[in-house]
Amino acid sequence: MANMNQLMKQAQQMQTKMATLQKELEARELEVSSGGGMVKVKITGKQEILEVKLDPECVDPNDIEMLEELIKTGVNQAVKESQDMVSKAMSKVTGGLKVPGLF
């Protein structure tokens, strides 16, 4: 029975650490660029896009497709890096244990 109590205590501690970490990660920001810095995307650990900045040189009214591709690439890279950041931080708390429903 003592082992079960110890296990419950450890689970509660991990839950508290995870809740704290989730709040921290939501506040963290990353800035990712594509097209050699022509497009910059700022994103949170909650995968919310905060800002998209375009270098005026990449805005060519005759080549909208290139601009769309640069933006799509920048956003996708920002989301991936944000997810990687969250995954790495969470695995430190969970010891690599995959916990469903976290981010």
Protein backbone atom coordinates (compact mmCIF):
# COMPACT_ATOMS: atom_id res chain seq x y z
CA MET A 1 0.00 0.00 0.00
CA ALA A 2 2.92 2.32 0.70
CA ASN A 3 4.11 1.84 -2.89
CA MET A 4 0.69 2.87 -4.19
CA ASN A 5 0.72 6.04 -2.09
CA GLN A 6 4.21 6.88 -3.33
CA LEU A 7 3.09 6.28 -6.93
CA MET A 8 0.07 8.57 -6.48
CA LYS A 9 2.28 11.26 -4.98
CA GLN A 10 4.68 11.04 -7.93
CA ALA A 11 1.77 11.23 -10.39
CA GLN A 12 0.45 14.36 -8.69
CA GLN A 13 3.91 15.97 -8.78
CA MET A 14 4.26 15.17 -12.48
CA GLN A 15 0.80 16.59 -13.15
CA THR A 16 1.72 19.84 -11.36
CA LYS A 17 5.01 20.10 -13.29
CA MET A 18 3.22 19.46 -16.59
CA ALA A 19 0.60 22.14 -15.90
CA THR A 20 3.33 24.66 -15.09
CA LEU A 21 5.28 23.69 -18.19
CA GLN A 22 2.20 23.99 -20.39
CA LYS A 23 1.70 27.58 -19.25
CA GLU A 24 5.38 28.34 -19.86
CA LEU A 25 5.26 26.81 -23.34
CA GLU A 26 2.15 28.77 -24.28
CA ALA A 27 4.09 31.96 -23.51
CA ARG A 28 7.26 30.94 -25.39
CA GLU A 29 7.77 32.42 -28.82
CA LEU A 30 9.82 31.29 -31.79
CA GLU A 31 10.71 33.23 -34.91
CA VAL A 32 11.27 31.17 -38.06
CA SER A 33 12.19 32.41 -41.52
CA SER A 34 11.93 31.07 -45.04
CA GLY A 35 13.23 32.20 -48.39
CA GLY A 36 16.54 33.31 -46.95
CA GLY A 37 14.81 35.59 -44.44
CA MET A 38 12.31 37.04 -46.90
CA VAL A 39 9.41 35.76 -44.78
CA LYS A 40 9.51 35.67 -40.98
CA VAL A 41 6.88 33.97 -38.84
CA LYS A 42 6.54 34.40 -35.08
CA ILE A 43 4.68 31.58 -33.30
CA THR A 44 3.92 30.53 -29.72
CA GLY A 45 4.35 27.15 -28.07
CA LYS A 46 0.59 26.81 -28.46
CA GLN A 47 1.03 26.97 -32.25
CA GLU A 48 -0.63 30.37 -32.55
CA ILE A 49 0.81 32.61 -35.25
CA LEU A 50 1.62 35.99 -33.71
CA GLU A 51 3.15 37.75 -36.66
CA VAL A 52 4.11 37.32 -40.30
CA LYS A 53 6.65 39.77 -41.74
CA LEU A 54 7.49 40.05 -45.42
CA ASP A 55 10.58 41.62 -46.91
CA PRO A 56 9.28 44.14 -49.47
CA GLU A 57 11.62 42.62 -52.06
CA CYS A 58 9.64 39.37 -52.07
CA VAL A 59 6.37 41.14 -52.92
CA ASP A 60 6.16 40.93 -56.69
CA PRO A 61 2.62 41.46 -58.02
CA ASN A 62 3.61 39.41 -61.08
CA ASP A 63 4.64 36.39 -58.99
CA ILE A 64 2.08 35.94 -56.24
CA GLU A 65 2.59 32.15 -56.32
CA MET A 66 6.18 32.52 -55.10
CA LEU A 67 5.07 34.72 -52.20
CA GLU A 68 2.32 32.26 -51.29
CA GLU A 69 4.86 29.41 -51.31
CA LEU A 70 7.29 31.36 -49.09
CA ILE A 71 4.52 32.12 -46.58
CA LYS A 72 3.27 28.52 -46.56
CA THR A 73 6.81 27.21 -46.06
CA GLY A 74 7.47 29.69 -43.25
CA VAL A 75 4.24 28.89 -41.42
CA ASN A 76 4.72 25.13 -41.76
CA GLN A 77 8.30 25.37 -40.48
CA ALA A 78 7.20 27.55 -37.55
CA VAL A 79 4.47 25.07 -36.57
CA LYS A 80 6.90 22.14 -36.80
CA GLU A 81 9.56 23.89 -34.69
CA SER A 82 6.95 24.91 -32.12
CA GLN A 83 5.67 21.32 -31.88
CA ASP A 84 9.24 20.02 -31.55
CA MET A 85 9.94 22.54 -28.75
CA VAL A 86 6.81 21.43 -26.88
CA SER A 87 7.55 17.74 -27.39
CA LYS A 88 11.12 18.05 -26.09
CA ALA A 89 10.05 20.07 -23.05
CA MET A 90 7.22 17.67 -22.20
CA SER A 91 9.42 14.58 -22.55
CA LYS A 92 11.73 16.02 -19.88
CA VAL A 93 8.82 16.14 -17.45
CA THR A 94 7.27 12.80 -18.41
CA GLY A 95 10.57 10.96 -18.79
CA GLY A 96 9.73 10.18 -22.42
CA LEU A 97 6.33 8.72 -21.55
CA LYS A 98 3.77 9.69 -24.20
CA VAL A 99 0.76 11.21 -22.42
CA PRO A 100 -2.30 11.49 -24.70
CA GLY A 101 -4.02 14.87 -24.90
CA LEU A 102 -1.02 17.02 -24.03
CA PHE A 103 -0.54 19.64 -26.70
